[in-house]
């Protein structure tokens, strides 16, 4: 996980909606599926797609997308359940406390917050546990600190 990174911010709500729709339709180019895109899609799903049970469907959504762009979902690459579930907790916590109302404003504020950092999960997990096969394949409880709850 990269720890020193300036996030790429979003200019328009419509860019985030297009990204989210592209994820669901498996229509994004591989290079568009960045850390920032993951978090933007999460905010979009949580705030604008109540018809999707993100807790039940996020693994399938991301695995299907990864496969559609020629990626693999195995022990070494692709979907990582513990990282995804950790960021879901962080995004929910962030959304519960933000005063931002526009989609891009919320996403950009998240990306600039501690919860939007690429290394945020390492506040809760040791590197060895977080990057283990069990943590990739399924959700494992953090070993350093409990995840915050919204």
Protein backbone atom coordinates (compact mmCIF):
# COMPACT_ATOMS: atom_id res chain seq x y z
CA UNK A 1 0.00 0.00 0.00
CA UNK A 2 1.34 3.39 -0.98
CA UNK A 3 1.37 5.80 1.93
CA UNK A 4 2.60 9.02 0.30
CA UNK A 5 0.12 9.95 -2.40
CA UNK A 6 -1.82 13.06 -3.36
CA UNK A 7 -5.34 11.97 -4.34
CA UNK A 8 -6.82 12.80 -7.72
CA UNK A 9 -9.99 14.76 -7.03
CA UNK A 10 -13.25 14.82 -8.96
CA UNK A 11 -14.60 17.93 -10.68
CA UNK A 12 -18.23 16.95 -11.22
CA UNK A 13 -20.90 14.79 -9.62
CA UNK A 14 -21.62 13.41 -13.08
CA UNK A 15 -18.06 12.03 -13.32
CA UNK A 16 -18.65 9.97 -10.18
CA UNK A 17 -22.05 8.77 -11.34
CA UNK A 18 -20.54 7.71 -14.68
CA UNK A 19 -17.79 5.87 -12.84
CA UNK A 20 -20.31 4.04 -10.64
CA UNK A 21 -22.52 3.12 -13.57
CA UNK A 22 -19.42 1.99 -15.50
CA UNK A 23 -18.45 -0.25 -12.60
CA UNK A 24 -21.89 -1.87 -12.49
CA UNK A 25 -21.98 -2.27 -16.28
CA UNK A 26 -18.37 -3.52 -16.42
CA UNK A 27 -17.71 -0.71 -18.88
CA UNK A 28 -14.76 1.12 -17.30
CA UNK A 29 -11.27 0.89 -18.73
CA UNK A 30 -8.81 -0.84 -16.39
CA UNK A 31 -6.84 2.38 -15.83
CA UNK A 32 -9.96 4.15 -14.53
CA UNK A 33 -10.27 1.73 -11.60
CA UNK A 34 -7.99 3.64 -9.22
CA UNK A 35 -7.99 3.96 -5.43
CA UNK A 36 -9.95 7.19 -5.85
CA UNK A 37 -12.44 5.44 -8.13
CA UNK A 38 -12.97 2.67 -5.57
CA UNK A 39 -13.86 5.19 -2.88
CA UNK A 40 -15.96 7.35 -5.21
CA UNK A 41 -17.94 4.30 -6.31
CA UNK A 42 -18.44 3.35 -2.67
CA UNK A 43 -19.81 6.80 -1.80
CA UNK A 44 -22.06 6.70 -4.86
CA UNK A 45 -23.36 3.23 -4.05
CA UNK A 46 -24.04 4.12 -0.42
CA UNK A 47 -25.71 7.46 -1.13
CA UNK A 48 -27.41 7.12 -4.49
CA UNK A 49 -28.11 3.42 -4.96
CA UNK A 50 -30.18 2.26 -1.98
CA UNK A 51 -31.55 -0.48 -4.24
CA UNK A 52 -28.17 -2.23 -4.00
CA UNK A 53 -27.34 -4.04 -0.77
CA UNK A 54 -23.68 -3.08 -0.82
CA UNK A 55 -22.74 -5.39 2.06
CA UNK A 56 -24.20 -8.39 0.26
CA UNK A 57 -23.24 -7.45 -3.31
CA UNK A 58 -19.94 -5.54 -3.25
CA UNK A 59 -17.73 -8.63 -3.60
CA UNK A 60 -19.70 -9.84 -6.63
CA UNK A 61 -19.71 -6.37 -8.20
CA UNK A 62 -15.96 -5.91 -7.92
CA UNK A 63 -15.04 -9.50 -8.84
CA UNK A 64 -17.27 -9.33 -11.93
CA UNK A 65 -15.69 -6.02 -12.94
CA UNK A 66 -12.15 -7.34 -12.41
CA UNK A 67 -12.90 -10.33 -14.60
CA UNK A 68 -14.44 -8.12 -17.29
CA UNK A 69 -11.16 -6.22 -17.71
CA UNK A 70 -9.07 -9.37 -17.87
CA UNK A 71 -8.11 -9.42 -14.21
CA UNK A 72 -8.01 -12.33 -11.84
CA UNK A 73 -9.56 -12.75 -8.41
CA UNK A 74 -7.22 -15.22 -6.75
CA UNK A 75 -4.94 -15.51 -3.73
CA UNK A 76 -2.57 -12.82 -5.01
CA UNK A 77 -4.60 -10.27 -6.97
CA UNK A 78 -8.03 -8.83 -7.61
CA UNK A 79 -10.78 -8.46 -5.05
CA UNK A 80 -9.60 -8.12 -1.43
CA UNK A 81 -12.45 -8.61 1.01
CA UNK A 82 -10.90 -7.26 4.21
CA UNK A 83 -9.63 -4.08 2.55
CA UNK A 84 -13.01 -3.52 0.91
CA UNK A 85 -14.94 -4.07 4.14
CA UNK A 86 -12.55 -1.78 6.04
CA UNK A 87 -13.09 1.03 3.56
CA UNK A 88 -16.86 0.46 3.65
CA UNK A 89 -16.72 1.05 7.41
CA UNK A 90 -14.58 4.15 6.88
CA UNK A 91 -16.82 5.60 4.18
CA UNK A 92 -19.89 5.06 6.31
CA UNK A 93 -18.18 6.75 9.25
CA UNK A 94 -17.08 9.65 7.07
CA UNK A 95 -20.54 10.11 5.56
CA UNK A 96 -22.15 10.11 9.01
CA UNK A 97 -20.10 13.14 10.00
CA UNK A 98 -19.61 15.20 6.86
CA UNK A 99 -21.48 18.40 6.17
CA UNK A 100 -20.78 18.19 2.44
CA UNK A 101 -23.88 17.68 0.35
CA UNK A 102 -22.74 17.39 -3.27
CA UNK A 103 -21.46 14.04 -4.46
CA UNK A 104 -18.10 15.33 -5.72
CA UNK A 105 -17.67 17.49 -2.61
CA UNK A 106 -18.28 14.46 -0.36
CA UNK A 107 -15.93 12.22 -2.34
CA UNK A 108 -13.19 14.86 -2.47
CA UNK A 109 -13.48 15.54 1.25
CA UNK A 110 -13.24 11.79 1.90
CA UNK A 111 -10.18 11.47 -0.34
CA UNK A 112 -8.49 14.28 1.58
CA UNK A 113 -9.37 12.81 4.98
CA UNK A 114 -7.49 10.16 6.93
CA UNK A 115 -10.15 7.61 5.93
CA UNK A 116 -9.40 8.19 2.27
CA UNK A 117 -5.70 7.45 2.58
CA UNK A 118 -4.32 4.37 0.89
CA UNK A 119 -2.77 3.20 4.15
CA UNK A 120 -5.86 3.76 6.33
CA UNK A 121 -6.53 0.00 6.80
CA UNK A 122 -3.05 -0.35 8.35
CA UNK A 123 -4.33 1.55 11.38
CA UNK A 124 -6.34 -1.56 12.20
CA UNK A 125 -4.38 -4.42 10.64
CA UNK A 126 -0.79 -5.51 10.74
CA UNK A 127 0.67 -5.67 7.26
CA UNK A 128 1.13 -9.46 7.54
CA UNK A 129 -2.51 -10.08 8.39
CA UNK A 130 -3.97 -7.57 5.94
CA UNK A 131 -2.03 -8.98 3.00
CA UNK A 132 -2.64 -12.61 3.89
CA UNK A 133 -4.65 -14.95 1.69
CA UNK A 134 -7.42 -15.36 4.31
CA UNK A 135 -7.84 -11.56 4.49
CA UNK A 136 -8.04 -11.32 0.70
CA UNK A 137 -10.47 -14.21 0.33
CA UNK A 138 -12.80 -13.27 3.21
CA UNK A 139 -13.23 -10.74 5.95
CA UNK A 140 -10.89 -11.20 8.89
CA UNK A 141 -11.11 -9.16 12.07
CA UNK A 142 -8.40 -6.53 12.56
CA UNK A 143 -5.53 -7.44 14.85
CA UNK A 144 -4.39 -3.93 15.92
CA UNK A 145 -7.61 -2.04 16.66
CA UNK A 146 -11.34 -2.50 16.05
CA UNK A 147 -12.83 -0.80 13.03
CA UNK A 148 -14.75 2.39 13.82
CA UNK A 149 -18.50 2.24 13.58
CA UNK A 150 -20.71 4.97 12.15
